[in-house]
Structures are given as C-alpha cells and as structure tokens.
C-alpha cells in the first residue's frame, strides 16, 4: 500500500529542468566567485571558462564520468603559452613565446574547480 502523500507528490512534481553547464558556470562565477580575492577569482574563472568550452551545449545531466575523463586528458595534453610574441632586437624576427604543458597538479586543480 502506498502512503497517501506519495500520489500527490509525484503528480505535482514538475519535469526536470535541463540546466546547461555553461549557465551553471556563469551563475557560479557571478555569485560564489564574487566573494573570492582577485587572484583566486581570476584563476577559477579561467578554469571554469575552459570547462564551459569543453562541455559547450551540454546539460549537466549529459555530462558523464567518461566525458570528464576525456576532458581531463585534453587538459593534460593541451599546450599554452606565457607571454606574447616578441621581436628580436638584432634580427627583427618575430619570436613566438615558448609553449608549455600543464603539470599534473594544475590538471588536478582544473578537475576540482567545477565539482
């Protein structure tokens, strides 16, 4: 026998909303990160923006452990640069900045940011 309140609760429950990861990340940046100091806010905003690009167009319900694992692997293999292209003083040639890979600790920080 079902409890008398079970029918009322299930019949009035609205359908689940499909919240996009991007909307959730933007809301988090605007509300929660507003309380952080400037350095932490900048770092976490950068990381959340990266995650938003990885899960563009996906709802939170569509993000699986496999998708997170693939994004983590992409984070570990991507290269980034520090600085801007510069001009060599002697030759006048444009020198591209050195490319780096993220360290394991940085990848772990990226993983910890949205979850």
C-alpha atoms as a PDB file:
ATOM      1  CA  UNK A   1       0.000   0.000   0.000  1.00  0.00           C
ATOM      2  CA  UNK A   2       1.306   3.451  -0.931  1.00  0.00           C
ATOM      3  CA  UNK A   3       1.351   6.261   1.584  1.00  0.00           C
ATOM      4  CA  UNK A   4      -1.421   8.805   0.933  1.00  0.00           C
ATOM      5  CA  UNK A   5       1.049  11.625   0.208  1.00  0.00           C
ATOM      6  CA  UNK A   6       3.034   9.692  -2.432  1.00  0.00           C
ATOM      7  CA  UNK A   7       0.472  10.255  -5.181  1.00  0.00           C
ATOM      8  CA  UNK A   8       0.181  13.962  -4.502  1.00  0.00           C
ATOM      9  CA  UNK A   9       3.954  14.500  -4.563  1.00  0.00           C
ATOM     10  CA  UNK A  10       4.552  12.544  -7.766  1.00  0.00           C
ATOM     11  CA  UNK A  11       1.624  14.102  -9.627  1.00  0.00           C
ATOM     12  CA  UNK A  12       2.735  17.673  -8.863  1.00  0.00           C
ATOM     13  CA  UNK A  13       6.450  17.239  -9.499  1.00  0.00           C
ATOM     14  CA  UNK A  14       7.473  19.409 -12.451  1.00  0.00           C
ATOM     15  CA  UNK A  15       9.591  17.872 -15.212  1.00  0.00           C
ATOM     16  CA  UNK A  16      13.336  18.171 -14.582  1.00  0.00           C
ATOM     17  CA  UNK A  17      14.931  21.303 -15.954  1.00  0.00           C
ATOM     18  CA  UNK A  18      17.821  20.964 -18.357  1.00  0.00           C
ATOM     19  CA  UNK A  19      20.363  23.319 -16.873  1.00  0.00           C
ATOM     20  CA  UNK A  20      23.296  23.855 -19.209  1.00  0.00           C
ATOM     21  CA  UNK A  21      26.762  23.591 -17.769  1.00  0.00           C
ATOM     22  CA  UNK A  22      27.603  26.986 -19.240  1.00  0.00           C
ATOM     23  CA  UNK A  23      24.684  28.667 -17.448  1.00  0.00           C
ATOM     24  CA  UNK A  24      25.641  26.972 -14.193  1.00  0.00           C
ATOM     25  CA  UNK A  25      29.278  28.073 -14.555  1.00  0.00           C
ATOM     26  CA  UNK A  26      28.259  31.675 -15.306  1.00  0.00           C
ATOM     27  CA  UNK A  27      25.978  31.718 -12.270  1.00  0.00           C
ATOM     28  CA  UNK A  28      28.787  30.322 -10.094  1.00  0.00           C
ATOM     29  CA  UNK A  29      31.215  32.973 -11.364  1.00  0.00           C
ATOM     30  CA  UNK A  30      28.738  35.781 -10.683  1.00  0.00           C
ATOM     31  CA  UNK A  31      27.598  34.636  -7.240  1.00  0.00           C
ATOM     32  CA  UNK A  32      30.169  32.462  -5.497  1.00  0.00           C
ATOM     33  CA  UNK A  33      33.408  33.729  -7.013  1.00  0.00           C
ATOM     34  CA  UNK A  34      32.416  37.305  -6.242  1.00  0.00           C
ATOM     35  CA  UNK A  35      33.409  36.581  -2.643  1.00  0.00           C
ATOM     36  CA  UNK A  36      36.918  35.354  -3.534  1.00  0.00           C
ATOM     37  CA  UNK A  37      40.001  37.548  -3.675  1.00  0.00           C
ATOM     38  CA  UNK A  38      41.021  38.844  -7.092  1.00  0.00           C
ATOM     39  CA  UNK A  39      43.779  36.282  -7.765  1.00  0.00           C
ATOM     40  CA  UNK A  40      41.628  33.253  -6.862  1.00  0.00           C
ATOM     41  CA  UNK A  41      38.660  34.643  -8.787  1.00  0.00           C
ATOM     42  CA  UNK A  42      40.780  35.149 -11.928  1.00  0.00           C
ATOM     43  CA  UNK A  43      42.260  31.631 -11.756  1.00  0.00           C
ATOM     44  CA  UNK A  44      38.929  29.905 -11.175  1.00  0.00           C
ATOM     45  CA  UNK A  45      37.184  31.983 -13.833  1.00  0.00           C
ATOM     46  CA  UNK A  46      39.834  30.894 -16.336  1.00  0.00           C
ATOM     47  CA  UNK A  47      39.359  27.254 -15.339  1.00  0.00           C
ATOM     48  CA  UNK A  48      35.546  27.421 -15.460  1.00  0.00           C
ATOM     49  CA  UNK A  49      35.717  29.072 -18.871  1.00  0.00           C
ATOM     50  CA  UNK A  50      37.874  26.195 -20.074  1.00  0.00           C
ATOM     51  CA  UNK A  51      35.329  23.665 -18.742  1.00  0.00           C
ATOM     52  CA  UNK A  52      32.481  25.594 -20.378  1.00  0.00           C
ATOM     53  CA  UNK A  53      34.227  25.250 -23.739  1.00  0.00           C
ATOM     54  CA  UNK A  54      34.674  21.521 -23.172  1.00  0.00           C
ATOM     55  CA  UNK A  55      31.000  20.971 -22.335  1.00  0.00           C
ATOM     56  CA  UNK A  56      29.504  23.578 -24.680  1.00  0.00           C
ATOM     57  CA  UNK A  57      25.861  22.859 -25.408  1.00  0.00           C
ATOM     58  CA  UNK A  58      25.561  20.055 -22.851  1.00  0.00           C
ATOM     59  CA  UNK A  59      23.230  19.979 -19.908  1.00  0.00           C
ATOM     60  CA  UNK A  60      24.563  18.954 -16.524  1.00  0.00           C
ATOM     61  CA  UNK A  61      22.666  15.655 -16.831  1.00  0.00           C
ATOM     62  CA  UNK A  62      24.524  14.838 -20.062  1.00  0.00           C
ATOM     63  CA  UNK A  63      27.984  15.157 -18.526  1.00  0.00           C
ATOM     64  CA  UNK A  64      29.224  11.673 -17.700  1.00  0.00           C
ATOM     65  CA  UNK A  65      32.304  10.385 -15.946  1.00  0.00           C
ATOM     66  CA  UNK A  66      33.641   9.371 -19.355  1.00  0.00           C
ATOM     67  CA  UNK A  67      33.204  12.931 -20.697  1.00  0.00           C
ATOM     68  CA  UNK A  68      35.012  14.338 -17.641  1.00  0.00           C
ATOM     69  CA  UNK A  69      37.826  11.823 -18.133  1.00  0.00           C
ATOM     70  CA  UNK A  70      38.217  12.806 -21.799  1.00  0.00           C
ATOM     71  CA  UNK A  71      38.234  16.492 -20.877  1.00  0.00           C
ATOM     72  CA  UNK A  72      40.859  15.821 -18.194  1.00  0.00           C
ATOM     73  CA  UNK A  73      43.056  14.077 -20.753  1.00  0.00           C
ATOM     74  CA  UNK A  74      42.615  17.006 -23.158  1.00  0.00           C
ATOM     75  CA  UNK A  75      43.577  19.399 -20.355  1.00  0.00           C
ATOM     76  CA  UNK A  76      46.746  17.426 -19.689  1.00  0.00           C
ATOM     77  CA  UNK A  77      47.820  17.318 -23.337  1.00  0.00           C
ATOM     78  CA  UNK A  78      46.952  20.876 -24.399  1.00  0.00           C
ATOM     79  CA  UNK A  79      49.752  23.391 -24.639  1.00  0.00           C
ATOM     80  CA  UNK A  80      49.628  27.016 -23.569  1.00  0.00           C
ATOM     81  CA  UNK A  81      51.938  29.982 -23.795  1.00  0.00           C
ATOM     82  CA  UNK A  82      53.124  32.545 -21.310  1.00  0.00           C
ATOM     83  CA  UNK A  83      53.584  35.966 -22.799  1.00  0.00           C
ATOM     84  CA  UNK A  84      53.193  37.389 -26.283  1.00  0.00           C
ATOM     85  CA  UNK A  85      55.212  37.110 -29.489  1.00  0.00           C
ATOM     86  CA  UNK A  86      58.176  39.463 -29.370  1.00  0.00           C
ATOM     87  CA  UNK A  87      60.603  40.968 -31.845  1.00  0.00           C
ATOM     88  CA  UNK A  88      64.273  40.001 -31.746  1.00  0.00           C
ATOM     89  CA  UNK A  89      66.395  43.129 -31.261  1.00  0.00           C
ATOM     90  CA  UNK A  90      69.210  42.006 -33.582  1.00  0.00           C
ATOM     91  CA  UNK A  91      67.383  40.371 -36.469  1.00  0.00           C
ATOM     92  CA  UNK A  92      63.928  41.958 -36.186  1.00  0.00           C
ATOM     93  CA  UNK A  93      62.428  38.489 -36.418  1.00  0.00           C
ATOM     94  CA  UNK A  94      59.182  37.726 -34.552  1.00  0.00           C
ATOM     95  CA  UNK A  95      59.780  35.100 -31.871  1.00  0.00           C
ATOM     96  CA  UNK A  96      56.816  33.096 -30.636  1.00  0.00           C
ATOM     97  CA  UNK A  97      56.560  32.545 -26.882  1.00  0.00           C
ATOM     98  CA  UNK A  98      57.540  29.147 -25.521  1.00  0.00           C
ATOM     99  CA  UNK A  99      54.769  26.546 -25.244  1.00  0.00           C
ATOM    100  CA  UNK A 100      54.188  24.590 -22.053  1.00  0.00           C
ATOM    101  CA  UNK A 101      52.113  21.632 -20.964  1.00  0.00           C
ATOM    102  CA  UNK A 102      50.052  21.749 -17.797  1.00  0.00           C
ATOM    103  CA  UNK A 103      51.532  19.914 -14.833  1.00  0.00           C
ATOM    104  CA  UNK A 104      49.652  17.134 -13.076  1.00  0.00           C
ATOM    105  CA  UNK A 105      48.923  19.458 -10.148  1.00  0.00           C
ATOM    106  CA  UNK A 106      47.397  22.051 -12.483  1.00  0.00           C
ATOM    107  CA  UNK A 107      45.230  19.395 -14.141  1.00  0.00           C
ATOM    108  CA  UNK A 108      44.040  18.339 -10.680  1.00  0.00           C
ATOM    109  CA  UNK A 109      43.118  21.949  -9.883  1.00  0.00           C
ATOM    110  CA  UNK A 110      41.160  22.166 -13.133  1.00  0.00           C
ATOM    111  CA  UNK A 111      39.285  18.996 -12.185  1.00  0.00           C
ATOM    112  CA  UNK A 112      38.492  20.292  -8.697  1.00  0.00           C
ATOM    113  CA  UNK A 113      37.186  23.683  -9.874  1.00  0.00           C
ATOM    114  CA  UNK A 114      33.654  22.903 -11.100  1.00  0.00           C
ATOM    115  CA  UNK A 115      32.895  19.942  -8.847  1.00  0.00           C
END
